[in-house]
Protein backbone atom coordinates (compact mmCIF):
# COMPACT_ATOMS: atom_id res chain seq x y z
CA MET A 1 -28.52 -31.39 12.46
CA ILE A 2 -25.56 -31.55 14.77
CA ALA A 3 -25.47 -27.83 15.54
CA ARG A 4 -29.17 -27.75 16.37
CA LYS A 5 -28.81 -30.76 18.64
CA PHE A 6 -25.72 -29.81 20.56
CA GLY A 7 -25.70 -25.99 20.04
CA ARG A 8 -22.45 -24.30 20.95
CA ALA A 9 -21.05 -27.48 22.48
CA GLY A 10 -21.45 -29.32 19.17
CA ARG A 11 -19.75 -26.49 17.32
CA GLY A 12 -16.85 -26.56 19.76
CA ILE A 13 -16.42 -30.31 19.31
CA ALA A 14 -16.43 -29.85 15.52
CA LEU A 15 -13.73 -27.19 15.75
CA LEU A 16 -11.56 -29.40 17.94
CA LEU A 17 -11.91 -32.30 15.55
CA LEU A 18 -11.03 -30.11 12.56
CA ALA A 19 -8.05 -28.80 14.52
CA GLY A 20 -6.89 -32.36 15.02
CA VAL A 21 -7.20 -33.18 11.36
CA ILE A 22 -5.20 -30.16 10.22
CA ALA A 23 -2.57 -30.39 12.97
CA ARG A 24 -0.86 -33.55 11.69
CA PRO A 25 2.93 -33.24 11.33
CA ALA A 26 4.08 -31.39 8.22
CA PRO A 27 6.14 -33.34 5.66
CA PRO A 28 9.88 -32.64 5.85
CA GLU A 29 9.86 -30.71 2.60
CA LYS A 30 7.19 -28.32 3.95
CA LYS A 31 8.71 -27.44 7.30
CA LEU A 32 9.45 -23.94 6.06
CA SER A 33 5.80 -23.28 5.25
CA GLY A 34 2.60 -22.95 7.26
CA SER A 35 -1.11 -23.36 6.64
CA ILE A 36 -4.48 -21.76 7.37
CA ALA A 37 -7.67 -23.79 7.84
CA VAL A 38 -11.11 -22.23 7.55
CA TYR A 39 -14.33 -23.51 9.15
CA VAL A 40 -17.50 -21.67 8.08
CA THR A 41 -20.88 -21.76 9.84
CA ASN A 42 -24.00 -19.63 10.06
CA THR A 43 -25.42 -18.06 13.22
CA ALA A 44 -27.09 -21.37 14.14
CA GLY A 45 -23.76 -23.20 13.93
CA MET A 46 -24.61 -25.09 10.72
CA PRO A 47 -21.59 -25.73 8.40
CA GLN A 48 -21.87 -23.75 5.16
CA MET A 49 -20.92 -25.58 1.99
CA GLY A 50 -19.92 -23.60 -1.11
CA ALA A 51 -18.70 -20.45 0.64
CA THR A 52 -16.06 -18.61 -1.40
CA VAL A 53 -12.78 -18.24 0.49
CA LEU A 54 -10.18 -15.78 -0.85
CA LEU A 55 -6.60 -15.68 0.44
CA PHE A 56 -4.72 -12.37 0.06
CA ASP A 57 -1.02 -11.71 0.46
CA GLY A 58 0.57 -8.77 2.31
CA VAL A 59 -0.58 -6.22 -0.31
CA ASP A 60 -4.11 -7.62 -0.71
CA ARG A 61 -3.48 -9.43 -3.98
CA ILE A 62 -5.54 -12.62 -4.35
CA ILE A 63 -3.18 -15.63 -4.36
CA ARG A 64 -5.57 -18.50 -3.55
CA ARG A 65 -9.27 -19.12 -4.14
CA ALA A 66 -11.48 -22.01 -2.97
CA LEU A 67 -14.94 -23.23 -1.97
CA THR A 68 -15.74 -24.87 1.35
CA ASP A 69 -16.76 -28.55 1.32
CA GLU A 70 -19.84 -30.19 2.85
CA ALA A 71 -18.33 -29.76 6.33
CA GLY A 72 -17.87 -26.01 5.77
CA SER A 73 -14.08 -26.35 5.85
CA PHE A 74 -11.09 -25.67 3.67
CA LEU A 75 -7.30 -25.79 4.13
CA PHE A 76 -4.72 -23.49 2.53
CA ASP A 77 -1.38 -25.30 2.87
CA SER A 78 2.23 -24.71 1.78
CA LEU A 79 2.08 -21.00 2.60
CA PRO A 80 5.38 -19.08 2.91
CA ALA A 81 5.83 -17.26 6.20
CA GLY A 82 4.23 -13.83 6.26
CA ALA A 83 1.02 -11.90 6.89
CA TYR A 84 -2.16 -12.89 5.06
CA SER A 85 -5.81 -11.87 4.88
CA ILE A 86 -8.91 -14.05 4.50
CA ARG A 87 -12.24 -13.00 2.97
CA VAL A 88 -15.25 -15.34 3.11
CA SER A 89 -18.50 -14.68 1.25
CA LEU A 90 -21.70 -16.57 0.53
CA ALA A 91 -25.04 -15.54 -0.99
CA SER A 92 -27.54 -14.09 1.53
CA PHE A 93 -24.76 -13.27 4.04
CA LEU A 94 -22.52 -10.29 4.59
CA PRO A 95 -18.88 -11.14 3.77
CA ALA A 96 -16.36 -11.59 6.60
CA LEU A 97 -12.79 -10.28 6.47
CA LYS A 98 -9.79 -10.77 8.74
CA ARG A 99 -6.38 -9.17 8.19
CA ASN A 100 -2.86 -9.68 9.49
CA ILE A 101 -3.05 -13.45 9.96
CA ALA A 102 0.52 -14.37 10.84
CA VAL A 103 1.85 -17.55 9.23
CA GLN A 104 5.14 -18.93 10.53
CA PRO A 105 7.11 -22.01 9.43
CA GLY A 106 5.44 -25.18 10.69
CA MET A 107 2.37 -23.38 12.07
CA ARG A 108 -1.19 -24.59 11.46
CA SER A 109 -4.00 -22.11 12.26
CA LEU A 110 -7.77 -22.56 12.33
CA LEU A 111 -10.17 -19.70 11.63
CA SER A 112 -13.77 -19.94 12.78
CA VAL A 113 -16.00 -17.95 10.40
CA ASN A 114 -19.52 -17.01 11.45
CA LEU A 115 -21.59 -15.67 8.54
CA ALA A 116 -24.60 -13.53 9.38
CA GLY A 117 -26.99 -11.17 7.66
CA VAL A 118 -25.98 -8.26 9.91
CA LEU A 119 -22.45 -8.78 11.25
CA SER A 120 -20.20 -11.60 10.06
CA SER A 121 -17.01 -12.38 11.97
CA ILE A 122 -13.78 -14.39 11.80
CA GLU A 123 -12.01 -15.60 14.93
CA LEU A 124 -8.65 -17.35 15.34
CA VAL A 125 -9.54 -20.32 17.57
CA TYR A 126 -6.57 -22.65 17.18
CA SER A 127 -2.90 -22.21 16.39
CA ALA A 128 -0.01 -24.60 16.97
CA LYS A 129 3.28 -25.78 15.57
CA GLY A 130 3.06 -28.70 13.21
CA SER A 131 5.18 -30.87 15.51
CA ARG A 132 2.45 -30.78 18.16
CA ALA A 133 0.05 -33.12 16.42
CA VAL A 134 -3.29 -33.74 18.09
CA MET A 135 -4.07 -36.82 15.99
CA SER A 136 -2.92 -38.43 12.76
CA ASP A 137 -4.56 -39.58 9.55
CA ASP A 138 -4.74 -43.12 10.94
CA TRP A 139 -7.78 -42.08 12.95
CA LYS A 140 -11.23 -41.44 11.51
CA TRP A 141 -13.37 -39.26 13.71
CA VAL A 142 -17.16 -39.45 13.35
CA LEU A 143 -19.81 -37.86 15.53
CA ARG A 144 -22.78 -40.15 15.94
CA SER A 145 -26.32 -39.64 17.17
CA SER A 146 -28.19 -42.06 19.44
CA GLU A 147 -28.16 -44.62 16.63
CA ALA A 148 -24.68 -46.14 16.74
CA THR A 149 -24.53 -46.94 13.03
CA ARG A 150 -25.65 -43.54 11.76
CA PRO A 151 -22.82 -41.04 10.96
CA VAL A 152 -23.79 -37.47 11.69
CA LEU A 153 -20.70 -35.44 10.67
CA ARG A 154 -17.51 -36.48 8.96
CA PHE A 155 -14.44 -34.40 8.10
CA GLY A 156 -12.66 -35.26 4.89
CA PRO A 157 -10.13 -33.70 2.54
CA SER A 158 -11.20 -30.52 0.75
CA VAL A 159 -10.73 -29.70 -2.90
CA THR A 160 -9.48 -26.42 -4.38
CA VAL A 161 -11.85 -24.84 -6.87
CA SER A 162 -10.20 -22.41 -9.28
CA HIS A 163 -13.44 -21.34 -10.97
CA PRO A 164 -16.13 -20.88 -8.33
CA ASP A 165 -19.69 -21.11 -9.48
CA ASP A 166 -21.64 -18.03 -8.52
CA GLY A 167 -24.93 -19.01 -10.07
CA GLY A 168 -24.08 -18.26 -13.70
CA SER A 169 -23.34 -14.55 -13.32
CA PRO A 170 -20.17 -13.45 -15.15
CA PHE A 171 -19.32 -11.03 -12.31
CA SER A 172 -18.55 -12.03 -8.73
CA GLU A 173 -16.71 -10.78 -5.65
CA THR A 174 -17.45 -7.17 -6.60
CA ARG A 175 -16.09 -4.54 -4.21
CA ALA A 176 -16.03 -0.78 -4.45
CA MET A 177 -14.92 2.37 -2.64
CA VAL A 178 -16.05 5.99 -3.02
CA LYS A 179 -13.87 8.69 -1.46
CA VAL A 180 -14.90 12.32 -0.95
CA SER A 181 -12.30 14.64 0.58
CA ALA A 182 -11.17 18.23 0.87
CA GLY A 183 -8.32 20.26 2.34
CA ASP A 184 -6.18 23.33 2.05
CA GLN A 185 -4.22 21.93 -0.90
CA GLY A 186 -3.04 18.69 -2.46
CA ALA A 187 -0.22 16.75 -0.89
CA VAL A 188 3.36 16.97 -2.15
CA SER A 189 5.91 14.33 -1.22
CA GLN A 190 9.48 13.65 -2.23
CA PHE A 191 8.20 10.93 -4.58
CA GLY A 192 5.78 13.04 -6.59
CA ASN A 193 2.68 15.20 -6.52
CA GLU A 194 -0.31 13.50 -4.93
CA PRO A 195 -3.38 15.42 -6.11
CA ASP A 196 -6.65 14.65 -4.38
CA LEU A 197 -9.28 16.18 -6.60
CA GLY A 198 -12.16 15.81 -4.16
CA THR A 199 -13.94 12.72 -5.49
CA ALA A 200 -12.37 9.34 -6.20
CA PHE A 201 -13.72 5.85 -6.75
CA ALA A 202 -12.32 2.35 -7.16
CA LEU A 203 -14.09 -0.85 -8.18
CA ALA A 204 -12.80 -4.44 -8.33
CA THR A 205 -14.63 -7.49 -9.65
CA SER A 206 -14.00 -11.04 -10.84
CA VAL A 207 -15.08 -11.83 -14.39
CA PHE A 208 -15.86 -15.48 -15.06
CA GLY A 209 -14.02 -16.62 -11.95
CA ASP A 210 -10.30 -15.94 -12.11
CA ASN A 211 -10.19 -12.75 -14.21
CA GLN A 212 -9.68 -9.78 -11.89
CA VAL A 213 -10.62 -6.36 -13.30
CA HIS A 214 -10.08 -3.08 -11.41
CA VAL A 215 -11.33 0.36 -12.49
CA SER A 216 -10.60 3.57 -10.56
CA GLY A 217 -10.91 7.29 -11.13
CA ASN A 218 -10.12 10.64 -9.53
CA PHE A 219 -11.86 13.76 -10.79
CA GLY A 220 -12.89 17.27 -9.80
CA TYR A 221 -11.88 20.92 -10.24
CA SER A 222 -8.40 22.22 -9.59
CA ALA A 223 -8.46 24.71 -6.72
CA ALA A 224 -5.68 26.72 -8.33
CA THR A 225 -7.20 26.95 -11.82
CA GLY A 226 -10.92 26.24 -11.51
CA LEU A 227 -10.63 23.90 -14.49
CA PRO A 228 -11.78 20.26 -14.64
CA THR A 229 -9.14 17.67 -13.94
CA ALA A 230 -9.37 13.89 -14.02
CA GLY A 231 -7.45 10.63 -13.96
CA PHE A 232 -8.50 7.06 -14.70
CA ARG A 233 -6.83 3.70 -14.18
CA THR A 234 -7.77 0.16 -15.12
CA SER A 235 -5.93 -3.09 -14.46
CA TYR A 236 -6.36 -6.75 -15.31
CA SER A 237 -4.93 -9.88 -13.74
CA ARG A 238 -5.75 -13.56 -13.82
CA GLY A 239 -5.95 -15.20 -10.39
CA GLY A 240 -5.51 -18.79 -9.42
CA GLU A 241 -3.26 -21.06 -7.41
CA GLY A 242 0.39 -20.41 -6.87
CA SER A 243 2.45 -17.45 -5.94
CA GLY A 244 0.42 -14.86 -7.79
CA SER A 245 -0.52 -13.68 -11.24
CA ALA A 246 0.68 -10.99 -13.58
CA GLN A 247 -1.11 -7.64 -13.60
CA VAL A 248 -1.33 -5.21 -16.53
CA ASN A 249 -2.57 -1.66 -15.96
CA LEU A 250 -3.24 1.51 -17.92
CA THR A 251 -3.30 4.95 -16.26
CA LEU A 252 -4.37 8.25 -17.86
CA ARG A 253 -4.24 11.67 -16.17
CA GLN A 254 -4.89 15.26 -17.19
CA TRP A 255 -4.24 18.36 -15.13
CA TYR A 256 -4.55 22.00 -16.19
CA LEU A 257 -1.86 24.25 -14.75
CA PRO A 258 -2.53 27.76 -13.46
CA ALA A 259 -2.61 30.51 -16.07
CA ARG A 260 0.21 32.26 -14.16
CA VAL A 261 2.75 30.00 -15.84
CA GLY A 262 4.00 32.98 -17.81
CA ALA A 263 3.71 34.47 -21.24
CA GLY A 264 6.96 32.88 -22.37
CA LEU A 265 5.57 29.40 -21.89
CA LEU A 266 2.21 30.19 -23.44
CA SER A 267 3.53 31.14 -26.86
CA GLY A 268 1.45 29.36 -29.46
CA GLN A 269 -1.31 28.69 -26.88
CA ARG A 270 -3.06 32.06 -26.79
CA GLY A 271 -5.37 32.33 -23.85
CA ALA A 272 -5.09 28.65 -23.08
CA ALA A 273 -3.80 27.21 -19.84
CA PRO A 274 -1.17 24.53 -20.45
CA ALA A 275 -2.24 20.99 -19.58
CA LEU A 276 -0.11 18.24 -18.10
CA ARG A 277 -1.09 14.86 -19.54
CA THR A 278 0.41 11.52 -18.63
CA MET A 279 -0.16 8.01 -19.89
CA SER A 280 1.41 4.94 -18.30
CA VAL A 281 1.24 1.25 -19.19
CA GLY A 282 2.49 -0.99 -16.38
CA PHE A 283 3.22 -4.65 -15.73
CA PHE A 284 3.70 -6.35 -12.36
CA ASP A 285 4.26 -10.00 -11.47
CA ARG A 286 5.47 -12.20 -8.63
CA LYS A 287 7.39 -15.46 -9.03
CA GLU A 288 8.17 -18.10 -6.42
CA LEU A 289 11.72 -19.10 -7.39
CA ALA A 290 12.23 -21.58 -4.54
CA GLN A 291 10.96 -22.32 -1.07
CA GLY A 292 11.15 -18.97 0.76
CA LEU A 293 12.58 -17.15 -2.27
CA HIS A 294 10.34 -14.96 -4.40
CA LEU A 295 10.77 -12.15 -6.89
CA ASP A 296 8.51 -9.13 -7.42
CA TYR A 297 9.25 -7.37 -10.68
CA GLY A 298 7.71 -5.19 -13.34
CA PHE A 299 8.07 -2.09 -15.46
CA SER A 300 6.14 0.89 -16.74
CA LEU A 301 6.13 2.75 -20.03
CA GLU A 302 5.42 6.41 -19.33
CA SER A 303 4.59 9.33 -21.58
CA VAL A 304 4.52 12.83 -20.09
CA SER A 305 3.12 15.63 -22.25
CA PHE A 306 3.54 19.26 -21.22
CA LEU A 307 4.63 21.73 -23.91
CA SER A 308 6.65 18.79 -25.23
CA THR A 309 6.39 15.00 -24.96
CA LEU A 310 8.82 12.89 -22.92
CA ASN A 311 8.81 9.08 -22.96
CA TYR A 312 10.43 6.83 -20.34
CA PHE A 313 10.93 3.15 -19.57
CA SER A 314 11.04 2.37 -15.84
CA PRO A 315 11.91 -1.19 -14.70
CA TYR A 316 11.97 -2.33 -11.07
CA GLY A 317 12.37 -5.50 -9.03
CA ARG A 318 12.70 -6.88 -5.52
CA LEU A 319 14.11 -10.25 -4.46
CA THR A 320 13.06 -11.52 -1.01
CA TYR A 321 14.78 -14.46 0.69
CA ASP A 322 13.02 -15.75 3.80
CA LEU A 323 15.62 -17.42 6.03
CA GLY A 324 13.04 -18.59 8.54
CA PRO A 325 14.21 -18.00 12.13
CA GLN A 326 17.33 -16.28 10.77
CA GLY A 327 15.37 -13.37 9.32
CA VAL A 328 14.54 -11.95 5.88
CA LEU A 329 16.98 -10.61 3.29
CA GLU A 330 15.86 -8.25 0.51
CA PHE A 331 17.44 -6.78 -2.63
CA ALA A 332 15.66 -4.12 -4.70
CA PHE A 333 16.24 -1.71 -7.57
CA ASN A 334 14.25 0.76 -9.63
CA SER A 335 14.74 3.24 -12.41
CA GLY A 336 12.35 6.14 -12.85
CA LEU A 337 9.30 6.65 -10.66
CA PRO A 338 9.14 4.43 -7.54
CA PRO A 339 6.59 1.61 -8.05
CA THR A 340 3.47 2.04 -5.95
CA GLN A 341 3.33 -1.76 -5.48
CA PHE A 342 6.44 -1.42 -3.30
CA LEU A 343 5.57 1.84 -1.57
CA ALA A 344 2.18 0.50 -0.50
CA GLN A 345 3.72 -2.36 1.46
CA ARG A 346 5.11 -0.24 4.29
CA GLY A 347 3.45 -0.79 7.62
CA GLU A 348 -0.09 -2.10 7.59
CA ALA A 349 -1.13 -3.44 4.23
CA SER A 350 -3.69 -1.27 2.50
CA SER A 351 -6.56 -2.75 0.52
CA ASP A 352 -6.22 -3.28 -3.20
CA LEU A 353 -8.79 -0.51 -3.77
CA GLN A 354 -6.73 1.98 -1.75
CA GLN A 355 -3.61 0.88 -3.62
CA ASP A 356 -5.35 1.61 -6.94
CA LEU A 357 -6.17 5.14 -5.79
CA ALA A 358 -2.59 5.66 -4.55
CA ALA A 359 -1.19 4.60 -7.92
CA LEU A 360 -3.65 6.84 -9.75
CA SER A 361 -2.82 9.95 -7.73
CA LEU A 362 0.97 9.77 -7.99
CA PHE A 363 1.85 12.42 -10.57
CA PRO A 364 5.45 12.71 -11.77
CA ARG A 365 7.41 15.69 -10.46
CA VAL A 366 7.64 18.05 -13.44
CA SER A 367 9.90 21.12 -13.47
CA LEU A 368 11.54 23.61 -15.85
CA ARG A 369 15.25 24.05 -16.56
CA ARG A 370 16.18 26.93 -18.84
CA GLY A 371 12.66 26.82 -20.26
CA GLN A 372 12.78 23.10 -21.03
CA VAL A 373 10.42 20.60 -19.38
CA ARG A 374 12.12 18.05 -17.14
CA VAL A 375 10.79 15.08 -15.11
CA GLN A 376 12.36 13.93 -11.86
CA ARG A 377 13.75 10.39 -12.15
CA ALA A 378 15.76 8.25 -9.77
CA ASP A 379 17.96 5.14 -10.04
CA ASN A 380 18.27 3.20 -6.78
CA LEU A 381 19.94 0.01 -5.60
CA GLU A 382 19.01 -1.20 -2.12
CA ILE A 383 19.73 -4.05 0.29
CA ALA A 384 17.93 -4.72 3.58
CA TYR A 385 17.73 -7.27 6.38
CA ARG A 386 15.19 -7.73 9.17
CA LYS A 387 14.78 -10.19 12.00
CA THR A 388 12.06 -10.69 14.61
CA ILE A 389 13.02 -11.72 18.13
CA GLY A 390 10.05 -12.12 20.43
CA SER A 391 7.95 -8.97 20.25
CA ARG A 392 10.69 -6.88 18.61
CA THR A 393 11.62 -6.54 14.96
CA TYR A 394 15.04 -5.21 13.97
CA GLY A 395 15.80 -3.80 10.52
CA LEU A 396 18.80 -2.52 8.61
CA ALA A 397 18.82 -1.08 5.07
CA GLY A 398 21.28 0.72 2.83
CA TYR A 399 21.10 2.25 -0.63
CA LEU A 400 23.04 3.81 -3.49
CA GLY A 401 21.15 6.17 -5.73
CA SER A 402 21.16 9.04 -8.16
CA VAL A 403 18.49 11.61 -8.99
CA LYS A 404 18.12 13.56 -12.21
CA ASN A 405 16.22 16.85 -12.35
CA ALA A 406 15.34 16.82 -8.66
CA ALA A 407 12.31 19.04 -8.07
CA LEU A 408 11.68 20.96 -4.84
CA THR A 409 8.79 23.16 -3.82
CA MET A 410 9.67 26.86 -3.75
CA VAL A 411 7.81 29.92 -2.54
CA ALA A 412 9.37 33.01 -4.16
CA SER A 413 8.52 36.67 -4.54
CA ALA A 414 7.85 38.08 -8.01
CA GLY A 415 10.99 38.24 -10.15
CA ALA A 416 13.11 36.27 -7.70
CA VAL A 417 13.65 33.45 -10.21
CA PRO A 418 13.31 33.72 -14.01
CA PRO A 419 10.06 32.23 -15.44
CA GLY A 420 12.06 29.73 -17.46
CA ASP A 421 13.28 28.05 -14.25
CA LEU A 422 10.18 28.22 -12.07
CA LEU A 423 7.05 26.17 -12.76
CA PRO A 424 3.82 26.94 -10.87
CA ASP A 425 2.88 24.01 -8.69
CA LEU A 426 -0.02 21.78 -9.68
CA LEU A 427 -1.62 21.83 -6.27
CA SER A 428 -1.05 25.17 -4.53
CA ASN A 429 0.09 28.76 -4.93
CA SER A 430 3.74 27.75 -4.62
CA ALA A 431 6.09 26.68 -7.44
CA VAL A 432 8.56 23.93 -8.38
CA PHE A 433 12.28 24.57 -8.82
CA ASN A 434 14.74 22.21 -10.53
CA VAL A 435 17.81 21.81 -8.27
CA GLY A 436 19.71 19.68 -10.79
CA ASP A 437 21.30 16.21 -10.63
CA TYR A 438 23.17 14.50 -7.79
CA SER A 439 24.20 11.10 -6.39
CA SER A 440 23.75 9.93 -2.83
CA ALA A 441 24.16 7.00 -0.47
CA GLY A 442 22.56 6.27 2.85
CA TYR A 443 21.49 3.77 5.45
CA MET A 444 18.84 3.33 8.13
CA ALA A 445 18.42 1.12 11.20
CA SER A 446 15.15 0.50 13.03
CA VAL A 447 13.64 -1.37 15.95
CA THR A 448 9.89 -1.95 16.28
CA GLN A 449 8.35 -2.97 19.60
CA ALA A 450 4.91 -4.58 19.57
CA LEU A 451 2.88 -3.21 22.47
CA GLY A 452 0.25 -5.91 22.54
CA SER A 453 -1.55 -7.09 19.42
CA ARG A 454 -2.75 -3.67 18.21
CA MET A 455 0.00 -1.16 19.02
CA ASN A 456 3.50 -0.73 17.63
CA LEU A 457 6.27 1.72 18.45
CA SER A 458 9.18 2.14 16.03
CA LEU A 459 12.42 4.03 16.46
CA THR A 460 14.47 4.53 13.34
CA GLY A 461 17.48 6.59 12.38
CA GLY A 462 20.16 6.84 9.76
CA SER A 463 22.05 9.00 7.34
CA GLY A 464 21.30 10.04 3.78
CA GLY A 465 21.88 12.52 1.03
CA ALA A 466 21.09 16.16 1.74
CA LEU A 467 20.77 19.40 -0.25
CA ILE A 468 22.64 22.21 1.53
CA PRO A 469 22.14 25.81 0.32
CA VAL A 470 25.19 28.05 0.65
CA GLN A 471 24.43 31.11 2.77
CA GLY A 472 24.76 34.46 1.09
CA VAL A 473 23.02 36.87 -1.27
CA LEU A 474 22.66 36.07 -4.95
CA HIS A 475 23.12 38.92 -7.40
CA GLY A 476 22.65 37.35 -10.82
CA GLY A 477 19.19 35.97 -10.11
CA SER A 478 19.50 33.21 -12.74
CA GLY A 479 18.36 29.63 -12.19
CA ASP A 480 21.85 28.25 -12.92
CA GLU A 481 23.40 30.50 -10.28
CA LEU A 482 20.86 29.37 -7.73
CA ARG A 483 21.50 25.71 -8.56
CA LYS A 484 25.24 26.20 -8.06
CA THR A 485 24.68 27.43 -4.53
CA ILE A 486 22.94 24.16 -3.52
CA GLN A 487 25.59 21.68 -2.49
CA HIS A 488 25.20 17.93 -1.92
CA GLY A 489 26.24 16.31 1.33
CA GLN A 490 25.23 13.84 4.08
CA ARG A 491 23.01 14.47 7.08
CA ARG A 492 21.73 12.27 9.90
CA TRP A 493 18.10 11.95 10.89
CA LEU A 494 16.00 10.31 13.59
CA ALA A 495 12.30 9.34 13.58
CA VAL A 496 9.73 7.75 15.87
CA VAL A 497 6.51 6.15 14.59
CA PHE A 498 3.54 5.04 16.71
CA SER A 499 0.52 3.14 15.39
CA ALA A 500 -2.52 1.84 17.26
CA ALA A 501 -5.92 0.34 16.55
CA ALA A 502 -8.90 0.18 18.92
CA PRO A 503 -10.48 -3.31 18.96
CA ARG A 504 -14.07 -2.21 19.59
CA THR A 505 -14.43 1.07 17.74
CA GLY A 506 -12.08 0.16 14.88
CA SER A 507 -10.22 3.47 15.21
CA GLN A 508 -6.74 3.55 13.65
CA LEU A 509 -4.10 6.18 14.40
CA THR A 510 -0.59 6.62 13.06
CA ALA A 511 1.64 9.40 14.39
CA SER A 512 5.24 10.08 13.46
CA TYR A 513 7.91 12.69 14.03
CA ARG A 514 11.11 12.94 12.03
CA TRP A 515 13.96 15.16 13.12
CA ALA A 516 16.53 16.34 10.58
CA ASP A 517 19.08 19.12 10.24
CA GLY A 518 17.13 22.36 9.86
CA ARG A 519 19.89 23.89 7.70
CA ALA A 520 19.57 21.29 4.94
CA LEU A 521 16.89 19.51 2.93
CA THR A 522 16.75 15.73 2.90
CA ALA A 523 17.39 14.53 -0.63
CA PRO A 524 14.46 12.60 -2.14
CA HIS A 525 14.78 8.84 -1.75
CA ALA A 526 12.08 6.13 -1.83
CA TYR A 527 12.99 3.00 0.13
CA LEU A 528 11.78 -0.03 -1.82
CA THR A 529 12.11 -2.78 0.79
CA ARG A 530 9.51 -3.67 3.39
CA THR A 531 12.21 -3.52 6.04
CA ALA A 532 12.52 0.25 5.74
CA ILE A 533 10.23 2.39 7.91
CA PHE A 534 9.54 5.72 6.24
CA SER A 535 8.30 8.97 7.72
CA ASP A 536 7.96 12.48 6.30
CA ILE A 537 9.84 15.28 8.01
CA GLY A 538 8.28 16.92 11.07
CA LEU A 539 5.08 15.88 12.83
CA ASN A 540 2.61 13.79 10.82
CA LEU A 541 -0.78 12.39 11.86
CA HIS A 542 -3.18 10.04 10.12
CA PHE A 543 -6.39 8.49 11.44
CA ARG A 544 -9.30 6.37 10.22
CA GLN A 545 -12.56 6.08 12.15
CA PRO A 546 -15.33 3.66 11.09
CA VAL A 547 -18.84 5.08 11.48
CA PRO A 548 -21.85 2.88 12.27
CA TRP A 549 -23.84 2.42 9.10
CA GLY A 550 -27.54 1.57 9.36
CA GLY A 551 -30.55 1.53 7.14
CA GLY A 552 -30.06 -2.09 6.04
CA MET A 553 -27.50 -1.06 3.40
CA ARG A 554 -24.36 -3.05 2.78
CA GLY A 555 -20.98 -1.48 3.22
CA ARG A 556 -19.22 0.66 5.79
CA LEU A 557 -18.41 4.33 6.22
CA GLU A 558 -15.06 5.74 7.41
CA ILE A 559 -13.91 9.21 8.38
CA THR A 560 -10.28 9.90 7.51
CA GLY A 561 -7.87 12.67 8.39
CA ASP A 562 -4.34 13.35 7.23
CA ALA A 563 -1.95 16.04 8.47
CA ARG A 564 1.61 16.32 7.13
CA ASN A 565 4.37 18.45 8.57
CA VAL A 566 1.97 20.04 11.03
CA LEU A 567 4.68 22.26 12.55
CA GLY A 568 5.85 23.55 9.16
CA GLN A 569 9.46 22.39 9.55
CA GLY A 570 12.09 22.10 6.82
CA TYR A 571 11.61 25.55 5.23
CA LEU A 572 14.94 27.07 4.10
CA PRO A 573 15.08 30.83 3.34
CA LEU A 574 17.17 32.13 0.42
CA SER A 575 18.13 35.71 -0.33
CA VAL A 576 18.20 36.41 -4.07
CA GLY A 577 19.11 40.11 -3.97
CA GLN A 578 17.23 43.41 -4.29
CA GLY A 579 15.15 42.57 -1.26
CA ARG A 580 13.62 39.49 -2.87
CA ARG A 581 13.45 36.26 -0.94
CA ALA A 582 12.55 32.64 -1.60
CA LEU A 583 11.81 29.55 0.47
CA LEU A 584 12.85 26.02 -0.42
CA VAL A 585 10.41 23.49 1.04
CA HIS A 586 10.95 19.76 1.52
CA THR A 587 7.38 18.78 2.47
CA PRO A 588 4.73 21.54 2.53
CA ARG A 589 2.33 21.57 5.46
CA ASN A 590 -0.93 19.96 4.42
CA LEU A 591 -4.24 19.20 6.13
CA ARG A 592 -6.92 17.01 4.55
CA GLY A 593 -10.02 15.12 5.62
CA GLY A 594 -12.74 13.08 3.99
CA PHE A 595 -15.19 10.18 3.93
CA ASN A 596 -14.70 6.69 2.52
CA PHE A 597 -17.71 4.55 1.64
CA ILE A 598 -16.65 0.93 1.11
CA PHE A 599 -19.06 -1.76 -0.03
């Protein structure tokens, strides 16, 4: 009755009292951690008991789960410093979500959650260091009505619930995304092919409380072949308290290549277009080794089938040591394909649904070498350090790596390269050429300036491995001769990245430009640490625009656009004799757009 009696004033008093309760000094052993308190009400200001509160880490993995008590409150304590997200849901209300909640050592933050049937919201209303206590546990605060002996509202300790009761249904916290897109061709990056088949979906749900099940798919018709193509991925993890839970996933893909592969490759497959099939079983887990020290690790077992079958084991890991005010130190390694769990953590954290689609769409880079199928694989060892001073974040990273069967996009005239060394690309009318094996080393340094709470400007530069074609005319025309003319060296590069988000419209824009030596191609390398700021070569633009969604239906609609290498930079011409020419391409120009429906 308190909210009805006092209205907004009563709600404000309740928030201040809850702030006092949670702002008591942190124990000495928890000075390196922070906490987030949640206070949930409805539009009338009444506390909501039994609301489900989910705490996500920087990559939107559920790490804590709880129910609010009779006062509508809950406290997540002993949180390592970092960025978190909170999602609050309750039957008959739309869920509320807030991202990028910064937790620093010794900080206690209070989130005011207002659940509504039309527009729920979360607002940060209190934040302070633990040393600035408002009141201690020795005091008991009670709001009373006109009768002095009648308690109206009391704040007490909350209890974590690991198996929330959702009314007996085995499924809860179900979320989904449907993505429809189109463009001139699929995207190709230095990590792998990224086919977008036109229609994709992802669904996540909790089964009997803590069991998290994700299912995603990507299907359509290949623009280059007109044949059906599809990929499916499913993953399972068990949530709960602590630093995280292990995830197991299975990914299946099938893609039909263009019939122009060549008669030599189609022997034994009369009239049939060759199909690329992949199957991957993955494992990912996170362990808290000590206060501020955690390990992300995993592996994948991959099988690639195209004319022959190749099997690989790809382990990876990353150790992060949070030094508090002294910064963050990271060590990482991988063998094989770069793990999408690491690549997805650059910049703003994407949702778990978007991460599922990113993992599903990352095809291995397949090429031919003397008629034999080869898959691009990399071994990398990396170290990085970052430190935040005021509104600026400084980063430094270095790596040692080697790449086997590096694959580059090539556009060549007929007969320029023998069919046994040129594989038609999965996504466009170009092809893939195997440039061989090489080793490289590099470094990068960056500084990011926060321009308010919603804009960031990053300047980054460094040096890395490069592929340098030797100028001249080839006369033999063989793939081996062409590979010998591509030398390995070092080249410097410089990039600027700008990101912004509009508070009212929800618009998000990311723009980047990376300059590199136009006479060389940057060797493929995937930075694994969150310190590294990555950008494709040339001018790149990406935007997301929420669209008002009416009709009483749950969910939201977004318009997305993605443009890579808009200016078409990084194309190296080669002369292969007899008037034939070829182009080596680092990142092909690509324009795509689409709609995302999230509910």
